[in-house]
Amino acid sequence: MKKAEVKVGGTYAAKVSGKVVTVRIDVQNPRGGWDATNTATGKKVRIKSAQRLRGAVHKSKLARRGGPMALAIPSQAGEGEAKAARGAPDATRANVGRVGASQSGAKAAKKAKVRREKKPSLLDLAAEVLAKAKQPMDCKTIVEKVLASGRWQTKGKTPAATLYSAVLREIQKKGKDARFRKTGRGQFELSAAAK
């Protein structure tokens, strides 16, 4: 909204603490913005800029039936969308006031189509290296073989220490079902469960 569109005494939808709530503008604040009251909780809030306001709130037929108020936000909902929502089911009415509701749905659908293949983790690749080696190995050697294969990359300074702690964590968490078994100091092999 624009500053000139805001009227003292008006009721607006505003973003307060990460949520869109209905507020009544009480007075203009001398430091800028407005002092308002949250109509749902009765708490005083400060609206620092007109950008926090989403639009004027008007009671609709839905509000007369005891439901939530509908928002009339001409800057965010097209005139055609607002007219279509008046006769539409409640779920559609709720989406009219949301910013880019139809656009965000389209973006989510696009992301769902472009699903990337999951990259194997260092732990998975370490299990593969130990399966091929068929003998206990230390984490530094395992990491060297994984990096040489080119299937995993890191910018970390201590990938062997990271692998060591991850293997120990898996052994502690899964117990007998873990893929790894500690054979000696810093030496691991595949467990019977993983073979």
C-alpha atoms as a PDB file:
ATOM      1  CA  MET A   1       0.000   0.000   0.000  1.00  0.00           C
ATOM      2  CA  LYS A   2       0.922   3.634  -0.298  1.00  0.00           C
ATOM      3  CA  LYS A   3       1.165   5.991   2.671  1.00  0.00           C
ATOM      4  CA  ALA A   4      -1.517   8.268   1.232  1.00  0.00           C
ATOM      5  CA  GLU A   5      -4.037   5.388   1.141  1.00  0.00           C
ATOM      6  CA  VAL A   6      -3.797   4.752   4.908  1.00  0.00           C
ATOM      7  CA  LYS A   7      -6.534   6.415   6.988  1.00  0.00           C
ATOM      8  CA  VAL A   8      -6.545   6.763  10.789  1.00  0.00           C
ATOM      9  CA  GLY A   9      -9.451   4.695  12.138  1.00  0.00           C
ATOM     10  CA  GLY A  10      -9.339   2.306   9.177  1.00  0.00           C
ATOM     11  CA  THR A  11      -9.004  -1.462   9.475  1.00  0.00           C
ATOM     12  CA  TYR A  12      -6.256  -3.157   7.471  1.00  0.00           C
ATOM     13  CA  ALA A  13      -4.545  -6.492   7.039  1.00  0.00           C
ATOM     14  CA  ALA A  14      -0.967  -6.082   8.220  1.00  0.00           C
ATOM     15  CA  LYS A  15       2.076  -8.292   8.613  1.00  0.00           C
ATOM     16  CA  VAL A  16       2.943  -8.354  12.308  1.00  0.00           C
ATOM     17  CA  SER A  17       5.544 -10.766  13.733  1.00  0.00           C
ATOM     18  CA  GLY A  18       5.539 -12.847  10.568  1.00  0.00           C
ATOM     19  CA  LYS A  19       1.734 -13.249  10.438  1.00  0.00           C
ATOM     20  CA  VAL A  20      -0.934 -11.351   8.542  1.00  0.00           C
ATOM     21  CA  VAL A  21      -3.451 -10.021  11.079  1.00  0.00           C
ATOM     22  CA  THR A  22      -6.245  -7.454  11.116  1.00  0.00           C
ATOM     23  CA  VAL A  23      -5.289  -4.128  12.731  1.00  0.00           C
ATOM     24  CA  ARG A  24      -7.129  -0.861  13.367  1.00  0.00           C
ATOM     25  CA  ILE A  25      -5.017   2.273  12.840  1.00  0.00           C
ATOM     26  CA  ASP A  26      -5.360   4.442  15.986  1.00  0.00           C
ATOM     27  CA  VAL A  27      -3.020   7.386  15.425  1.00  0.00           C
ATOM     28  CA  GLN A  28      -0.069   8.488  13.319  1.00  0.00           C
ATOM     29  CA  ASN A  29       3.228   7.998  15.183  1.00  0.00           C
ATOM     30  CA  PRO A  30       5.432  11.138  15.420  1.00  0.00           C
ATOM     31  CA  ARG A  31       8.517   9.038  14.507  1.00  0.00           C
ATOM     32  CA  GLY A  32       6.854   7.752  11.357  1.00  0.00           C
ATOM     33  CA  GLY A  33       4.310   5.064  10.688  1.00  0.00           C
ATOM     34  CA  TRP A  34       1.220   4.430  12.811  1.00  0.00           C
ATOM     35  CA  ASP A  35       0.183   3.096  16.189  1.00  0.00           C
ATOM     36  CA  ALA A  36      -2.464   0.418  15.766  1.00  0.00           C
ATOM     37  CA  THR A  37      -4.401  -2.224  17.688  1.00  0.00           C
ATOM     38  CA  ASN A  38      -4.537  -5.911  16.744  1.00  0.00           C
ATOM     39  CA  THR A  39      -8.297  -6.524  16.499  1.00  0.00           C
ATOM     40  CA  ALA A  40      -7.995 -10.209  17.401  1.00  0.00           C
ATOM     41  CA  THR A  41      -5.870  -9.817  20.559  1.00  0.00           C
ATOM     42  CA  GLY A  42      -6.423  -6.160  21.505  1.00  0.00           C
ATOM     43  CA  LYS A  43      -2.649  -5.595  21.758  1.00  0.00           C
ATOM     44  CA  LYS A  44      -1.029  -2.365  20.627  1.00  0.00           C
ATOM     45  CA  VAL A  45       1.308  -2.674  17.631  1.00  0.00           C
ATOM     46  CA  ARG A  46       3.387  -0.213  15.654  1.00  0.00           C
ATOM     47  CA  ILE A  47       3.213  -0.210  11.882  1.00  0.00           C
ATOM     48  CA  LYS A  48       6.463   1.402  10.765  1.00  0.00           C
ATOM     49  CA  SER A  49       5.696   1.663   7.055  1.00  0.00           C
ATOM     50  CA  ALA A  50       2.816   1.349   4.635  1.00  0.00           C
ATOM     51  CA  GLN A  51       4.569  -1.661   3.088  1.00  0.00           C
ATOM     52  CA  ARG A  52       3.532  -3.715   6.138  1.00  0.00           C
ATOM     53  CA  LEU A  53      -0.122  -3.130   5.262  1.00  0.00           C
ATOM     54  CA  ARG A  54      -1.628  -5.599   2.813  1.00  0.00           C
ATOM     55  CA  GLY A  55      -4.904  -3.820   2.168  1.00  0.00           C
ATOM     56  CA  ALA A  56      -8.170  -2.590   3.660  1.00  0.00           C
ATOM     57  CA  VAL A  57     -10.373  -5.173   5.366  1.00  0.00           C
ATOM     58  CA  HIS A  58     -14.066  -5.279   4.455  1.00  0.00           C
ATOM     59  CA  LYS A  59     -16.730  -7.523   5.905  1.00  0.00           C
ATOM     60  CA  SER A  60     -18.156  -9.913   3.344  1.00  0.00           C
ATOM     61  CA  LYS A  61     -21.080 -12.290   3.345  1.00  0.00           C
ATOM     62  CA  LEU A  62     -18.731 -14.831   4.894  1.00  0.00           C
ATOM     63  CA  ALA A  63     -18.067 -12.547   7.881  1.00  0.00           C
ATOM     64  CA  ARG A  64     -21.828 -12.082   8.454  1.00  0.00           C
ATOM     65  CA  ARG A  65     -22.156 -15.851   8.805  1.00  0.00           C
ATOM     66  CA  GLY A  66     -19.596 -15.832  11.612  1.00  0.00           C
ATOM     67  CA  GLY A  67     -16.572 -16.778   9.489  1.00  0.00           C
ATOM     68  CA  PRO A  68     -13.309 -14.896   8.998  1.00  0.00           C
ATOM     69  CA  MET A  69     -13.234 -11.563   7.224  1.00  0.00           C
ATOM     70  CA  ALA A  70     -12.372 -11.433   3.544  1.00  0.00           C
ATOM     71  CA  LEU A  71      -9.654  -9.066   2.366  1.00  0.00           C
ATOM     72  CA  ALA A  72     -10.138  -6.657  -0.470  1.00  0.00           C
ATOM     73  CA  ILE A  73      -6.633  -6.026  -1.729  1.00  0.00           C
ATOM     74  CA  PRO A  74      -6.788  -4.489  -5.189  1.00  0.00           C
ATOM     75  CA  SER A  75      -3.012  -4.116  -5.474  1.00  0.00           C
ATOM     76  CA  GLN A  76      -2.366  -7.832  -4.928  1.00  0.00           C
ATOM     77  CA  ALA A  77      -5.460  -9.573  -6.275  1.00  0.00           C
ATOM     78  CA  GLY A  78      -6.674  -8.870  -9.782  1.00  0.00           C
ATOM     79  CA  GLU A  79     -10.188  -7.511 -10.250  1.00  0.00           C
ATOM     80  CA  GLY A  80     -11.199 -10.689 -12.096  1.00  0.00           C
ATOM     81  CA  GLU A  81      -9.867 -12.877  -9.274  1.00  0.00           C
ATOM     82  CA  ALA A  82     -11.779 -10.876  -6.656  1.00  0.00           C
ATOM     83  CA  LYS A  83     -15.062 -11.128  -8.633  1.00  0.00           C
ATOM     84  CA  ALA A  84     -14.580 -14.867  -9.184  1.00  0.00           C
ATOM     85  CA  ALA A  85     -13.833 -15.437  -5.510  1.00  0.00           C
ATOM     86  CA  ARG A  86     -17.079 -13.804  -4.338  1.00  0.00           C
ATOM     87  CA  GLY A  87     -19.101 -16.699  -5.680  1.00  0.00           C
ATOM     88  CA  ALA A  88     -16.420 -19.326  -5.129  1.00  0.00           C
ATOM     89  CA  PRO A  89     -16.028 -21.815  -2.255  1.00  0.00           C
ATOM     90  CA  ASP A  90     -14.393 -20.753   1.032  1.00  0.00           C
ATOM     91  CA  ALA A  91     -10.972 -22.208   0.102  1.00  0.00           C
ATOM     92  CA  THR A  92     -10.798 -19.964  -2.967  1.00  0.00           C
ATOM     93  CA  ARG A  93     -11.785 -16.903  -0.928  1.00  0.00           C
ATOM     94  CA  ALA A  94      -8.930 -17.550   1.455  1.00  0.00           C
ATOM     95  CA  ASN A  95      -6.439 -17.586  -1.432  1.00  0.00           C
ATOM     96  CA  VAL A  96      -7.562 -14.264  -2.955  1.00  0.00           C
ATOM     97  CA  GLY A  97      -5.786 -12.194  -0.316  1.00  0.00           C
ATOM     98  CA  ARG A  98      -2.575 -14.186  -0.409  1.00  0.00           C
ATOM     99  CA  VAL A  99       0.369 -12.716  -2.264  1.00  0.00           C
ATOM    100  CA  GLY A 100       0.954 -14.588  -5.498  1.00  0.00           C
ATOM    101  CA  ALA A 101      -1.049 -17.656  -4.435  1.00  0.00           C
ATOM    102  CA  SER A 102      -1.404 -18.872  -8.009  1.00  0.00           C
ATOM    103  CA  GLN A 103       2.205 -18.045  -8.848  1.00  0.00           C
ATOM    104  CA  SER A 104       3.667 -19.915  -5.881  1.00  0.00           C
ATOM    105  CA  GLY A 105       1.628 -23.009  -6.825  1.00  0.00           C
ATOM    106  CA  ALA A 106       3.066 -22.922 -10.340  1.00  0.00           C
ATOM    107  CA  LYS A 107       6.617 -22.589  -9.024  1.00  0.00           C
ATOM    108  CA  ALA A 108       6.125 -25.524  -6.662  1.00  0.00           C
ATOM    109  CA  ALA A 109       4.820 -27.659  -9.529  1.00  0.00           C
ATOM    110  CA  LYS A 110       7.861 -26.759 -11.630  1.00  0.00           C
ATOM    111  CA  LYS A 111      10.235 -27.699  -8.816  1.00  0.00           C
ATOM    112  CA  ALA A 112       8.445 -31.012  -8.355  1.00  0.00           C
ATOM    113  CA  LYS A 113       9.000 -31.840 -12.034  1.00  0.00           C
ATOM    114  CA  VAL A 114      12.710 -31.051 -11.863  1.00  0.00           C
ATOM    115  CA  ARG A 115      13.645 -33.548  -9.185  1.00  0.00           C
ATOM    116  CA  ARG A 116      17.327 -34.093  -8.979  1.00  0.00           C
ATOM    117  CA  GLU A 117      18.836 -37.470  -8.510  1.00  0.00           C
ATOM    118  CA  LYS A 118      20.040 -37.880  -4.922  1.00  0.00           C
ATOM    119  CA  LYS A 119      23.818 -37.781  -4.660  1.00  0.00           C
ATOM    120  CA  PRO A 120      25.371 -40.566  -2.606  1.00  0.00           C
ATOM    121  CA  SER A 121      26.663 -39.504   0.791  1.00  0.00           C
ATOM    122  CA  LEU A 122      30.221 -40.018   2.002  1.00  0.00           C
ATOM    123  CA  LEU A 123      28.919 -42.741   4.328  1.00  0.00           C
ATOM    124  CA  ASP A 124      27.300 -44.627   1.420  1.00  0.00           C
ATOM    125  CA  LEU A 125      30.448 -44.367  -0.668  1.00  0.00           C
ATOM    126  CA  ALA A 126      32.580 -45.490   2.286  1.00  0.00           C
ATOM    127  CA  ALA A 127      30.435 -48.623   2.572  1.00  0.00           C
ATOM    128  CA  GLU A 128      31.019 -49.310  -1.150  1.00  0.00           C
ATOM    129  CA  VAL A 129      34.795 -48.860  -0.760  1.00  0.00           C
ATOM    130  CA  LEU A 130      34.880 -51.252   2.211  1.00  0.00           C
ATOM    131  CA  ALA A 131      32.807 -53.805   0.283  1.00  0.00           C
ATOM    132  CA  LYS A 132      35.352 -53.772  -2.558  1.00  0.00           C
ATOM    133  CA  ALA A 133      38.364 -53.838  -0.219  1.00  0.00           C
ATOM    134  CA  LYS A 134      37.127 -56.800   1.860  1.00  0.00           C
ATOM    135  CA  GLN A 135      39.528 -55.822   4.648  1.00  0.00           C
ATOM    136  CA  PRO A 136      39.541 -53.231   7.464  1.00  0.00           C
ATOM    137  CA  MET A 137      40.608 -49.717   6.464  1.00  0.00           C
ATOM    138  CA  ASP A 138      41.177 -46.405   8.230  1.00  0.00           C
ATOM    139  CA  CYS A 139      39.042 -43.348   7.387  1.00  0.00           C
ATOM    140  CA  LYS A 140      41.862 -41.427   5.706  1.00  0.00           C
ATOM    141  CA  THR A 141      42.377 -44.229   3.160  1.00  0.00           C
ATOM    142  CA  ILE A 142      38.622 -44.564   2.599  1.00  0.00           C
ATOM    143  CA  VAL A 143      38.272 -40.824   1.920  1.00  0.00           C
ATOM    144  CA  GLU A 144      41.240 -40.885  -0.493  1.00  0.00           C
ATOM    145  CA  LYS A 145      39.624 -43.712  -2.498  1.00  0.00           C
ATOM    146  CA  VAL A 146      36.228 -41.944  -2.519  1.00  0.00           C
ATOM    147  CA  LEU A 147      37.784 -38.673  -3.720  1.00  0.00           C
ATOM    148  CA  ALA A 148      39.796 -40.548  -6.367  1.00  0.00           C
ATOM    149  CA  SER A 149      36.602 -42.097  -7.730  1.00  0.00           C
ATOM    150  CA  GLY A 150      35.242 -38.593  -8.454  1.00  0.00           C
ATOM    151  CA  ARG A 151      31.753 -39.423  -7.130  1.00  0.00           C
ATOM    152  CA  TRP A 152      32.105 -37.108  -4.111  1.00  0.00           C
ATOM    153  CA  GLN A 153      33.814 -33.765  -3.586  1.00  0.00           C
ATOM    154  CA  THR A 154      34.498 -31.586  -0.571  1.00  0.00           C
ATOM    155  CA  LYS A 155      36.041 -28.269   0.328  1.00  0.00           C
ATOM    156  CA  GLY A 156      36.404 -29.351   3.958  1.00  0.00           C
ATOM    157  CA  LYS A 157      39.832 -29.543   5.573  1.00  0.00           C
ATOM    158  CA  THR A 158      39.239 -32.753   7.561  1.00  0.00           C
ATOM    159  CA  PRO A 159      36.919 -35.105   5.635  1.00  0.00           C
ATOM    160  CA  ALA A 160      38.522 -38.153   7.302  1.00  0.00           C
ATOM    161  CA  ALA A 161      37.537 -36.843  10.754  1.00  0.00           C
ATOM    162  CA  THR A 162      34.021 -36.143   9.470  1.00  0.00           C
ATOM    163  CA  LEU A 163      33.740 -39.687   8.137  1.00  0.00           C
ATOM    164  CA  TYR A 164      35.148 -41.139  11.373  1.00  0.00           C
ATOM    165  CA  SER A 165      32.538 -39.367  13.519  1.00  0.00           C
ATOM    166  CA  ALA A 166      29.714 -40.275  11.102  1.00  0.00           C
ATOM    167  CA  VAL A 167      30.694 -43.967  11.167  1.00  0.00           C
ATOM    168  CA  LEU A 168      30.868 -43.968  14.972  1.00  0.00           C
ATOM    169  CA  ARG A 169      27.500 -42.200  15.148  1.00  0.00           C
ATOM    170  CA  GLU A 170      25.916 -44.838  12.904  1.00  0.00           C
ATOM    171  CA  ILE A 171      27.411 -47.675  14.962  1.00  0.00           C
ATOM    172  CA  GLN A 172      26.140 -46.115  18.174  1.00  0.00           C
ATOM    173  CA  LYS A 173      22.683 -45.318  16.809  1.00  0.00           C
ATOM    174  CA  LYS A 174      21.938 -48.529  14.883  1.00  0.00           C
ATOM    175  CA  GLY A 175      23.934 -51.012  16.935  1.00  0.00           C
ATOM    176  CA  LYS A 176      23.834 -54.488  15.286  1.00  0.00           C
ATOM    177  CA  ASP A 177      22.050 -53.077  12.216  1.00  0.00           C
ATOM    178  CA  ALA A 178      24.867 -50.618  11.410  1.00  0.00           C
ATOM    179  CA  ARG A 179      26.741 -51.041   8.120  1.00  0.00           C
ATOM    180  CA  PHE A 180      30.131 -50.643   9.790  1.00  0.00           C
ATOM    181  CA  ARG A 181      32.011 -52.489  12.502  1.00  0.00           C
ATOM    182  CA  LYS A 182      35.081 -51.197  14.346  1.00  0.00           C
ATOM    183  CA  THR A 183      37.908 -53.742  14.240  1.00  0.00           C
ATOM    184  CA  GLY A 184      40.726 -51.789  15.838  1.00  0.00           C
ATOM    185  CA  ARG A 185      41.902 -48.285  16.591  1.00  0.00           C
ATOM    186  CA  GLY A 186      40.657 -46.180  13.656  1.00  0.00           C
ATOM    187  CA  GLN A 187      39.970 -49.302  11.554  1.00  0.00           C
ATOM    188  CA  PHE A 188      36.542 -50.202  10.174  1.00  0.00           C
ATOM    189  CA  GLU A 189      35.062 -52.954   8.044  1.00  0.00           C
ATOM    190  CA  LEU A 190      31.611 -53.822   6.767  1.00  0.00           C
ATOM    191  CA  SER A 191      29.428 -55.494   9.357  1.00  0.00           C
ATOM    192  CA  ALA A 192      27.632 -58.774   8.773  1.00  0.00           C
ATOM    193  CA  ALA A 193      24.370 -56.820   8.351  1.00  0.00           C
ATOM    194  CA  ALA A 194      25.786 -54.890   5.370  1.00  0.00           C
ATOM    195  CA  LYS A 195      27.299 -57.870   3.554  1.00  0.00           C
END
